[in-house]
């Protein structure tokens, strides 16, 4: 089995993954009825997580326990940091992907943020795009897709709609 890099992320209807301060408070009013939007099923097929340093710092604020303790985490950053969890800090995407492909048995979860997503797009490393569209308009903030110069054609393979208005789309590279 060849591992796939899967972006799994939420964005507002106007394309933002966070507000201008990097906060994701707009997500707090969703999922209160116990709906997980397919997240647990998705995570059953993941053994590696990739994220940027800002996203990693934000994830650390989500609770007492690191949510990806059962997966190997790669944090793209230029700084070496200490962690008690299974976290590897890397600053070279090619080296990182070589390490991941040799050690990973399942798929790879690309969590964000926008700069890491842009870097992965530039290297054509994202195989699937799982995007939950949140029925909120922020008007400004951090865009999911920054300016990228390499067009990529995608094929829609699935849509799910939820009673709270969220629409999840899954696209794959053509």
N, C-alpha and C. Protein backbone atom coordinates (compact mmCIF):
# COMPACT_ATOMS: atom_id res chain seq x y z
N UNK A 1 0.84 -1.19 0.00
CA UNK A 1 0.00 0.00 0.00
C UNK A 1 0.87 1.24 0.00
N UNK A 2 0.55 2.14 -0.84
CA UNK A 2 1.27 3.41 -0.88
C UNK A 2 0.54 4.42 0.00
N UNK A 3 1.28 5.03 0.91
CA UNK A 3 0.66 5.99 1.81
C UNK A 3 0.24 7.23 1.02
N UNK A 4 -0.88 7.80 1.45
CA UNK A 4 -1.37 9.02 0.83
C UNK A 4 -1.28 10.15 1.84
N UNK A 5 -0.91 11.32 1.35
CA UNK A 5 -0.94 12.52 2.18
C UNK A 5 -2.32 13.13 2.01
N UNK A 6 -3.03 13.27 3.15
CA UNK A 6 -4.41 13.73 3.13
C UNK A 6 -4.53 15.00 3.96
N UNK A 7 -4.91 16.07 3.29
CA UNK A 7 -5.23 17.30 3.99
C UNK A 7 -6.63 17.16 4.53
N UNK A 8 -6.79 17.32 5.84
CA UNK A 8 -8.10 17.25 6.49
C UNK A 8 -8.23 18.53 7.30
N UNK A 9 -9.12 19.41 6.86
CA UNK A 9 -9.15 20.75 7.45
C UNK A 9 -10.54 21.37 7.29
N UNK A 10 -10.81 22.35 8.13
CA UNK A 10 -12.06 23.11 8.02
C UNK A 10 -11.73 24.53 7.59
N UNK A 11 -12.63 25.08 6.79
CA UNK A 11 -12.48 26.48 6.39
C UNK A 11 -13.86 27.12 6.37
N UNK A 12 -13.88 28.43 6.50
CA UNK A 12 -15.14 29.16 6.41
C UNK A 12 -15.60 29.18 4.96
N UNK A 13 -16.85 29.55 4.76
CA UNK A 13 -17.38 29.63 3.41
C UNK A 13 -16.58 30.59 2.54
N UNK A 14 -15.99 31.63 3.16
CA UNK A 14 -15.18 32.56 2.38
C UNK A 14 -13.69 32.18 2.35
N UNK A 15 -13.36 30.94 2.73
CA UNK A 15 -12.03 30.40 2.48
C UNK A 15 -10.98 30.57 3.56
N UNK A 16 -11.37 30.92 4.78
CA UNK A 16 -10.39 31.15 5.85
C UNK A 16 -10.32 29.97 6.81
N UNK A 17 -9.09 29.65 7.25
CA UNK A 17 -8.90 28.59 8.23
C UNK A 17 -8.71 29.16 9.64
N UNK A 18 -8.52 30.45 9.74
CA UNK A 18 -8.36 31.13 11.03
C UNK A 18 -8.62 32.61 10.82
N UNK A 19 -8.86 33.31 11.94
CA UNK A 19 -9.04 34.76 11.82
C UNK A 19 -7.68 35.45 11.71
N UNK A 20 -7.66 36.75 11.73
CA UNK A 20 -6.41 37.49 11.52
C UNK A 20 -5.39 37.24 12.64
N UNK A 21 -5.86 36.80 13.82
CA UNK A 21 -4.96 36.49 14.93
C UNK A 21 -4.56 35.03 14.97
N UNK A 22 -5.04 34.25 14.01
CA UNK A 22 -4.74 32.82 13.98
C UNK A 22 -5.68 31.98 14.81
N UNK A 23 -6.73 32.60 15.36
CA UNK A 23 -7.69 31.87 16.19
C UNK A 23 -8.71 31.13 15.34
N UNK A 24 -9.18 30.00 15.86
CA UNK A 24 -10.18 29.19 15.16
C UNK A 24 -11.47 29.11 15.98
N UNK A 25 -11.76 30.17 16.69
CA UNK A 25 -12.95 30.22 17.54
C UNK A 25 -14.24 29.99 16.78
N UNK A 26 -14.26 30.27 15.48
CA UNK A 26 -15.47 30.08 14.68
C UNK A 26 -15.91 28.61 14.65
N UNK A 27 -15.01 27.70 14.99
CA UNK A 27 -15.35 26.28 14.99
C UNK A 27 -16.09 25.85 16.26
N UNK A 28 -16.01 26.64 17.31
CA UNK A 28 -16.53 26.25 18.62
C UNK A 28 -18.02 25.96 18.64
N UNK A 29 -18.79 26.59 17.78
CA UNK A 29 -20.24 26.38 17.82
C UNK A 29 -20.69 25.15 17.00
N UNK A 30 -19.77 24.44 16.41
CA UNK A 30 -20.10 23.27 15.60
C UNK A 30 -19.66 21.98 16.30
N UNK A 31 -20.35 20.89 16.02
CA UNK A 31 -20.02 19.59 16.59
C UNK A 31 -20.52 19.38 18.01
N UNK A 32 -21.36 20.26 18.49
CA UNK A 32 -21.86 20.15 19.87
C UNK A 32 -22.84 19.00 20.05
N UNK A 33 -23.42 18.53 18.96
CA UNK A 33 -24.39 17.44 19.06
C UNK A 33 -23.72 16.07 18.99
N UNK A 34 -22.40 16.04 19.10
CA UNK A 34 -21.66 14.78 19.06
C UNK A 34 -21.19 14.37 17.68
N UNK A 35 -21.53 15.13 16.68
CA UNK A 35 -21.11 14.83 15.30
C UNK A 35 -19.60 15.04 15.19
N UNK A 36 -18.90 14.08 14.62
CA UNK A 36 -17.45 14.23 14.44
C UNK A 36 -17.05 14.40 12.98
N UNK A 37 -18.03 14.46 12.08
CA UNK A 37 -17.81 14.75 10.66
C UNK A 37 -16.86 13.75 9.98
N UNK A 38 -16.85 12.52 10.46
CA UNK A 38 -16.00 11.49 9.88
C UNK A 38 -14.57 11.49 10.38
N UNK A 39 -14.29 12.32 11.38
CA UNK A 39 -12.91 12.47 11.88
C UNK A 39 -12.33 11.17 12.44
N UNK A 40 -13.08 10.47 13.28
CA UNK A 40 -12.55 9.25 13.90
C UNK A 40 -12.30 8.16 12.86
N UNK A 41 -13.19 8.02 11.92
CA UNK A 41 -12.98 7.07 10.83
C UNK A 41 -11.73 7.44 10.03
N UNK A 42 -11.58 8.74 9.75
CA UNK A 42 -10.39 9.23 9.06
C UNK A 42 -9.12 8.87 9.84
N UNK A 43 -9.13 9.13 11.15
CA UNK A 43 -7.94 8.91 11.98
C UNK A 43 -7.60 7.43 12.14
N UNK A 44 -8.55 6.54 11.94
CA UNK A 44 -8.27 5.10 11.99
C UNK A 44 -7.26 4.68 10.93
N UNK A 45 -7.13 5.47 9.88
CA UNK A 45 -6.24 5.13 8.77
C UNK A 45 -4.97 5.99 8.74
N UNK A 46 -4.68 6.66 9.85
CA UNK A 46 -3.56 7.61 9.93
C UNK A 46 -2.56 7.14 10.97
N UNK A 47 -1.27 7.15 10.63
CA UNK A 47 -0.24 6.90 11.65
C UNK A 47 0.82 8.00 11.70
N UNK A 48 0.66 9.00 10.85
CA UNK A 48 1.62 10.10 10.80
C UNK A 48 0.87 11.41 10.60
N UNK A 49 1.34 12.45 11.29
CA UNK A 49 0.73 13.77 11.21
C UNK A 49 1.82 14.77 10.84
N UNK A 50 1.48 15.68 9.92
CA UNK A 50 2.38 16.76 9.53
C UNK A 50 1.69 18.08 9.83
N UNK A 51 2.44 19.00 10.44
CA UNK A 51 1.91 20.34 10.70
C UNK A 51 3.05 21.32 10.83
N UNK A 52 2.69 22.60 10.78
CA UNK A 52 3.65 23.66 11.00
C UNK A 52 3.75 23.99 12.48
N UNK A 53 4.72 24.80 12.83
CA UNK A 53 4.98 25.16 14.23
C UNK A 53 3.82 25.92 14.85
N UNK A 54 3.22 26.86 14.13
CA UNK A 54 2.09 27.61 14.69
C UNK A 54 0.91 26.69 14.97
N UNK A 55 0.65 25.76 14.07
CA UNK A 55 -0.43 24.81 14.28
C UNK A 55 -0.11 23.91 15.46
N UNK A 56 1.12 23.45 15.55
CA UNK A 56 1.53 22.61 16.68
C UNK A 56 1.31 23.34 18.00
N UNK A 57 1.74 24.59 18.07
CA UNK A 57 1.54 25.38 19.29
C UNK A 57 0.06 25.50 19.63
N UNK A 58 -0.77 25.68 18.61
CA UNK A 58 -2.21 25.80 18.83
C UNK A 58 -2.79 24.47 19.31
N UNK A 59 -2.36 23.36 18.72
CA UNK A 59 -2.85 22.04 19.12
C UNK A 59 -2.53 21.77 20.59
N UNK A 60 -1.40 22.27 21.05
CA UNK A 60 -1.02 22.06 22.45
C UNK A 60 -1.97 22.75 23.43
N UNK A 61 -2.76 23.70 22.95
CA UNK A 61 -3.71 24.40 23.82
C UNK A 61 -5.08 23.71 23.88
N UNK A 62 -5.27 22.63 23.13
CA UNK A 62 -6.58 21.99 23.04
C UNK A 62 -6.97 21.16 24.26
N UNK A 63 -6.03 20.83 25.11
CA UNK A 63 -6.36 20.01 26.28
C UNK A 63 -5.11 19.55 26.98
N UNK A 64 -5.31 18.73 28.00
CA UNK A 64 -4.18 18.25 28.81
C UNK A 64 -3.31 17.25 28.07
N UNK A 65 -3.93 16.47 27.20
CA UNK A 65 -3.18 15.41 26.51
C UNK A 65 -3.01 15.76 25.04
N UNK A 66 -1.83 15.49 24.52
CA UNK A 66 -1.55 15.73 23.10
C UNK A 66 -2.46 14.82 22.27
N UNK A 67 -3.28 15.37 21.38
CA UNK A 67 -4.29 14.57 20.67
C UNK A 67 -3.73 13.57 19.67
N UNK A 68 -2.48 13.72 19.27
CA UNK A 68 -1.89 12.82 18.28
C UNK A 68 -0.79 11.97 18.89
N UNK A 69 -0.97 11.57 20.14
CA UNK A 69 0.05 10.78 20.85
C UNK A 69 0.22 9.39 20.23
N UNK A 70 -0.79 8.90 19.53
CA UNK A 70 -0.71 7.59 18.90
C UNK A 70 -0.13 7.63 17.49
N UNK A 71 0.14 8.83 16.99
CA UNK A 71 0.72 9.00 15.66
C UNK A 71 2.09 9.68 15.79
N UNK A 72 2.95 9.40 14.84
CA UNK A 72 4.21 10.14 14.76
C UNK A 72 3.89 11.51 14.18
N UNK A 73 4.40 12.56 14.80
CA UNK A 73 4.14 13.92 14.34
C UNK A 73 5.42 14.54 13.81
N UNK A 74 5.31 15.14 12.64
CA UNK A 74 6.41 15.92 12.06
C UNK A 74 5.98 17.38 12.06
N UNK A 75 6.79 18.23 12.66
CA UNK A 75 6.52 19.66 12.71
C UNK A 75 7.56 20.35 11.85
N UNK A 76 7.09 21.02 10.80
CA UNK A 76 8.00 21.77 9.93
C UNK A 76 8.31 23.10 10.59
N UNK A 77 9.58 23.29 10.95
CA UNK A 77 10.02 24.51 11.61
C UNK A 77 11.53 24.65 11.43
N UNK A 78 12.01 25.85 11.61
CA UNK A 78 13.45 26.08 11.54
C UNK A 78 14.09 26.01 12.92
N UNK A 79 13.27 25.82 13.96
CA UNK A 79 13.78 25.78 15.33
C UNK A 79 13.72 24.36 15.86
N UNK A 80 14.76 23.94 16.57
CA UNK A 80 14.73 22.66 17.25
C UNK A 80 14.08 22.87 18.61
N UNK A 81 13.12 22.03 18.92
CA UNK A 81 12.37 22.17 20.16
C UNK A 81 12.30 20.83 20.87
N UNK A 82 12.02 20.87 22.15
CA UNK A 82 11.88 19.65 22.94
C UNK A 82 10.41 19.27 23.03
N UNK A 83 10.15 17.97 23.07
CA UNK A 83 8.79 17.50 23.21
C UNK A 83 8.81 16.14 23.89
N UNK A 84 7.83 15.91 24.75
CA UNK A 84 7.71 14.60 25.38
C UNK A 84 6.90 13.63 24.52
N UNK A 85 6.24 14.15 23.50
CA UNK A 85 5.43 13.32 22.61
C UNK A 85 6.28 12.82 21.45
N UNK A 86 5.68 11.95 20.62
CA UNK A 86 6.37 11.43 19.44
C UNK A 86 6.38 12.50 18.36
N UNK A 87 7.26 13.49 18.53
CA UNK A 87 7.31 14.63 17.63
C UNK A 87 8.72 14.79 17.11
N UNK A 88 8.83 14.95 15.79
CA UNK A 88 10.12 15.20 15.15
C UNK A 88 10.04 16.56 14.48
N UNK A 89 11.02 17.40 14.76
CA UNK A 89 11.07 18.72 14.15
C UNK A 89 12.00 18.66 12.95
N UNK A 90 11.51 19.12 11.81
CA UNK A 90 12.29 19.08 10.57
C UNK A 90 12.18 20.42 9.85
N UNK A 91 13.21 20.73 9.09
CA UNK A 91 13.15 21.96 8.30
C UNK A 91 13.36 21.70 6.81
N UNK A 92 13.41 20.44 6.42
CA UNK A 92 13.61 20.07 5.03
C UNK A 92 12.50 19.11 4.61
N UNK A 93 11.66 19.56 3.69
CA UNK A 93 10.49 18.77 3.30
C UNK A 93 10.88 17.47 2.60
N UNK A 94 11.92 17.49 1.78
CA UNK A 94 12.32 16.27 1.07
C UNK A 94 12.81 15.21 2.05
N UNK A 95 13.64 15.62 3.00
CA UNK A 95 14.13 14.70 4.02
C UNK A 95 12.97 14.16 4.85
N UNK A 96 12.05 15.05 5.20
CA UNK A 96 10.89 14.64 5.99
C UNK A 96 10.08 13.58 5.25
N UNK A 97 9.78 13.81 3.99
CA UNK A 97 8.96 12.87 3.24
C UNK A 97 9.67 11.53 3.05
N UNK A 98 10.99 11.54 2.91
CA UNK A 98 11.76 10.29 2.83
C UNK A 98 11.62 9.51 4.13
N UNK A 99 11.75 10.21 5.27
CA UNK A 99 11.59 9.55 6.57
C UNK A 99 10.19 8.98 6.72
N UNK A 100 9.19 9.76 6.38
CA UNK A 100 7.81 9.33 6.55
C UNK A 100 7.50 8.13 5.67
N UNK A 101 7.86 8.19 4.41
CA UNK A 101 7.55 7.11 3.48
C UNK A 101 8.23 5.80 3.88
N UNK A 102 9.41 5.89 4.53
CA UNK A 102 10.10 4.67 4.94
C UNK A 102 9.56 4.09 6.25
N UNK A 103 8.92 4.91 7.07
CA UNK A 103 8.47 4.42 8.38
C UNK A 103 6.95 4.29 8.51
N UNK A 104 6.20 5.00 7.72
CA UNK A 104 4.75 5.01 7.85
C UNK A 104 4.12 3.78 7.19
N UNK A 105 3.14 3.21 7.85
CA UNK A 105 2.41 2.06 7.29
C UNK A 105 1.01 2.47 6.84
N UNK A 106 0.52 3.58 7.37
CA UNK A 106 -0.81 4.07 7.04
C UNK A 106 -0.70 5.41 6.32
N UNK A 107 -1.82 6.08 6.18
CA UNK A 107 -1.82 7.37 5.50
C UNK A 107 -1.31 8.48 6.41
N UNK A 108 -1.09 9.64 5.82
CA UNK A 108 -0.46 10.78 6.48
C UNK A 108 -1.45 11.93 6.51
N UNK A 109 -1.66 12.49 7.69
CA UNK A 109 -2.61 13.57 7.93
C UNK A 109 -1.86 14.90 7.91
N UNK A 110 -2.18 15.71 6.92
CA UNK A 110 -1.65 17.08 6.85
C UNK A 110 -2.69 17.96 7.52
N UNK A 111 -2.33 18.54 8.67
CA UNK A 111 -3.29 19.31 9.44
C UNK A 111 -3.21 20.81 9.16
N UNK A 112 -2.07 21.31 8.78
CA UNK A 112 -1.93 22.75 8.52
C UNK A 112 -0.65 23.28 9.11
N UNK A 113 -0.46 24.55 9.08
CA UNK A 113 -1.27 25.63 8.59
C UNK A 113 -1.03 25.96 7.13
N UNK A 114 -1.44 27.16 6.80
CA UNK A 114 -1.47 27.59 5.41
C UNK A 114 -0.09 27.55 4.74
N UNK A 115 0.95 27.92 5.46
CA UNK A 115 2.29 27.93 4.86
C UNK A 115 2.77 26.51 4.56
N UNK A 116 2.48 25.58 5.47
CA UNK A 116 2.87 24.19 5.24
C UNK A 116 2.05 23.60 4.10
N UNK A 117 0.76 23.92 4.06
CA UNK A 117 -0.08 23.44 2.96
C UNK A 117 0.45 23.97 1.64
N UNK A 118 0.81 25.24 1.61
CA UNK A 118 1.36 25.84 0.38
C UNK A 118 2.65 25.13 -0.04
N UNK A 119 3.52 24.86 0.91
CA UNK A 119 4.78 24.15 0.61
C UNK A 119 4.49 22.76 0.07
N UNK A 120 3.57 22.06 0.67
CA UNK A 120 3.23 20.71 0.21
C UNK A 120 2.60 20.77 -1.19
N UNK A 121 1.78 21.78 -1.45
CA UNK A 121 1.21 21.95 -2.79
C UNK A 121 2.30 22.19 -3.83
N UNK A 122 3.24 23.06 -3.48
CA UNK A 122 4.33 23.38 -4.41
C UNK A 122 5.12 22.14 -4.81
N UNK A 123 5.21 21.19 -3.90
CA UNK A 123 5.95 19.95 -4.15
C UNK A 123 5.04 18.81 -4.63
N UNK A 124 3.78 19.14 -4.89
CA UNK A 124 2.79 18.16 -5.36
C UNK A 124 2.70 16.95 -4.42
N UNK A 125 2.66 17.20 -3.13
CA UNK A 125 2.68 16.12 -2.14
C UNK A 125 1.32 15.82 -1.52
N UNK A 126 0.28 16.57 -1.86
CA UNK A 126 -1.04 16.31 -1.29
C UNK A 126 -1.84 15.44 -2.26
N UNK A 127 -2.26 14.28 -1.78
CA UNK A 127 -3.00 13.34 -2.61
C UNK A 127 -4.51 13.53 -2.50
N UNK A 128 -4.98 13.87 -1.30
CA UNK A 128 -6.41 14.04 -1.07
C UNK A 128 -6.66 15.30 -0.26
N UNK A 129 -7.79 15.94 -0.56
CA UNK A 129 -8.19 17.16 0.12
C UNK A 129 -9.55 16.91 0.77
N UNK A 130 -9.57 16.80 2.09
CA UNK A 130 -10.82 16.62 2.86
C UNK A 130 -11.09 17.98 3.49
N UNK A 131 -12.04 18.71 2.94
CA UNK A 131 -12.29 20.08 3.38
C UNK A 131 -13.72 20.21 3.86
N UNK A 132 -13.85 20.58 5.12
CA UNK A 132 -15.17 20.86 5.69
C UNK A 132 -15.42 22.35 5.57
N UNK A 133 -16.50 22.70 4.90
CA UNK A 133 -16.84 24.10 4.69
C UNK A 133 -17.82 24.52 5.77
N UNK A 134 -17.39 25.46 6.60
CA UNK A 134 -18.16 25.92 7.74
C UNK A 134 -19.05 27.09 7.30
N UNK A 135 -20.34 27.05 7.60
CA UNK A 135 -21.23 28.12 7.16
C UNK A 135 -21.06 29.40 7.98
N UNK A 136 -19.90 29.98 7.85
CA UNK A 136 -19.53 31.22 8.53
C UNK A 136 -18.73 32.07 7.56
N UNK A 137 -18.92 33.36 7.61
CA UNK A 137 -18.12 34.30 6.82
C UNK A 137 -17.28 35.12 7.79
N UNK A 138 -15.96 35.01 7.69
CA UNK A 138 -15.06 35.79 8.55
C UNK A 138 -14.74 37.16 7.95
N UNK A 139 -14.63 37.22 6.63
CA UNK A 139 -14.31 38.48 5.98
C UNK A 139 -12.82 38.77 5.88
N UNK A 140 -12.03 38.20 6.78
CA UNK A 140 -10.59 38.40 6.77
C UNK A 140 -9.96 37.32 7.64
N UNK A 141 -8.70 37.05 7.39
CA UNK A 141 -8.01 36.04 8.19
C UNK A 141 -6.94 35.35 7.38
N UNK A 142 -6.68 34.10 7.74
CA UNK A 142 -5.67 33.29 7.07
C UNK A 142 -6.38 32.39 6.07
N UNK A 143 -6.06 32.59 4.81
CA UNK A 143 -6.67 31.80 3.73
C UNK A 143 -6.16 30.37 3.77
N UNK A 144 -7.02 29.44 3.41
CA UNK A 144 -6.60 28.04 3.32
C UNK A 144 -5.52 27.90 2.25
N UNK A 145 -5.78 28.44 1.09
CA UNK A 145 -4.80 28.34 0.01
C UNK A 145 -4.20 29.70 -0.25
N UNK A 146 -2.92 29.82 0.01
CA UNK A 146 -2.19 31.03 -0.29
C UNK A 146 -1.95 31.08 -1.79
N UNK A 147 -1.34 32.11 -2.26
CA UNK A 147 -1.05 32.20 -3.68
C UNK A 147 -0.06 31.09 -4.06
N UNK A 148 -0.47 30.29 -5.00
CA UNK A 148 0.45 29.26 -5.50
C UNK A 148 0.46 29.33 -7.02
N UNK A 149 1.61 29.03 -7.55
CA UNK A 149 1.83 29.26 -8.98
C UNK A 149 1.69 28.00 -9.82
N UNK A 150 1.48 26.86 -9.18
CA UNK A 150 1.42 25.61 -9.91
C UNK A 150 -0.02 25.10 -9.88
N UNK A 151 -0.75 25.21 -10.98
CA UNK A 151 -2.13 24.72 -11.00
C UNK A 151 -2.18 23.20 -10.76
N UNK A 152 -3.22 22.76 -10.10
CA UNK A 152 -3.41 21.34 -9.86
C UNK A 152 -4.88 21.01 -10.09
N UNK A 153 -5.12 20.07 -10.97
CA UNK A 153 -6.49 19.65 -11.25
C UNK A 153 -6.89 18.57 -10.26
N UNK A 154 -8.11 18.69 -9.76
CA UNK A 154 -8.62 17.76 -8.77
C UNK A 154 -9.92 17.14 -9.25
N UNK A 155 -10.25 15.99 -8.68
CA UNK A 155 -11.48 15.31 -9.01
C UNK A 155 -12.29 15.14 -7.73
N UNK A 156 -13.55 15.58 -7.76
CA UNK A 156 -14.44 15.41 -6.63
C UNK A 156 -14.82 13.94 -6.50
N UNK A 157 -14.62 13.36 -5.31
CA UNK A 157 -14.96 11.95 -5.11
C UNK A 157 -16.07 11.75 -4.09
N UNK A 158 -16.33 12.77 -3.24
CA UNK A 158 -17.37 12.59 -2.24
C UNK A 158 -17.79 13.92 -1.65
N UNK A 159 -19.08 14.02 -1.31
CA UNK A 159 -19.58 15.16 -0.54
C UNK A 159 -20.47 14.61 0.57
N UNK A 160 -20.39 15.24 1.71
CA UNK A 160 -21.26 14.92 2.84
C UNK A 160 -21.84 16.22 3.34
N UNK A 161 -23.12 16.19 3.68
CA UNK A 161 -23.74 17.37 4.28
C UNK A 161 -24.22 17.00 5.67
N UNK A 162 -24.17 17.97 6.56
CA UNK A 162 -24.54 17.75 7.95
C UNK A 162 -25.65 18.72 8.35
N UNK A 163 -26.42 18.34 9.36
CA UNK A 163 -27.59 19.12 9.74
C UNK A 163 -27.25 20.51 10.26
N UNK A 164 -26.01 20.74 10.67
CA UNK A 164 -25.62 22.08 11.14
C UNK A 164 -25.12 22.98 10.01
N UNK A 165 -25.24 22.49 8.76
CA UNK A 165 -24.88 23.30 7.60
C UNK A 165 -23.48 23.07 7.06
N UNK A 166 -22.69 22.27 7.74
CA UNK A 166 -21.33 21.98 7.25
C UNK A 166 -21.44 21.06 6.04
N UNK A 167 -20.62 21.35 5.05
CA UNK A 167 -20.50 20.50 3.86
C UNK A 167 -19.05 20.06 3.78
N UNK A 168 -18.85 18.75 3.73
CA UNK A 168 -17.49 18.21 3.58
C UNK A 168 -17.32 17.70 2.17
N UNK A 169 -16.24 18.14 1.53
CA UNK A 169 -15.92 17.69 0.19
C UNK A 169 -14.59 16.96 0.22
N UNK A 170 -14.48 15.95 -0.60
CA UNK A 170 -13.21 15.22 -0.74
C UNK A 170 -12.83 15.24 -2.20
N UNK A 171 -11.64 15.77 -2.46
CA UNK A 171 -11.07 15.80 -3.80
C UNK A 171 -9.79 15.00 -3.82
N UNK A 172 -9.47 14.40 -4.96
CA UNK A 172 -8.19 13.71 -5.15
C UNK A 172 -7.49 14.33 -6.35
N UNK A 173 -6.18 14.16 -6.38
CA UNK A 173 -5.42 14.62 -7.55
C UNK A 173 -5.84 13.81 -8.75
N UNK A 174 -5.96 14.50 -9.89
CA UNK A 174 -6.26 13.79 -11.14
C UNK A 174 -5.02 13.09 -11.62
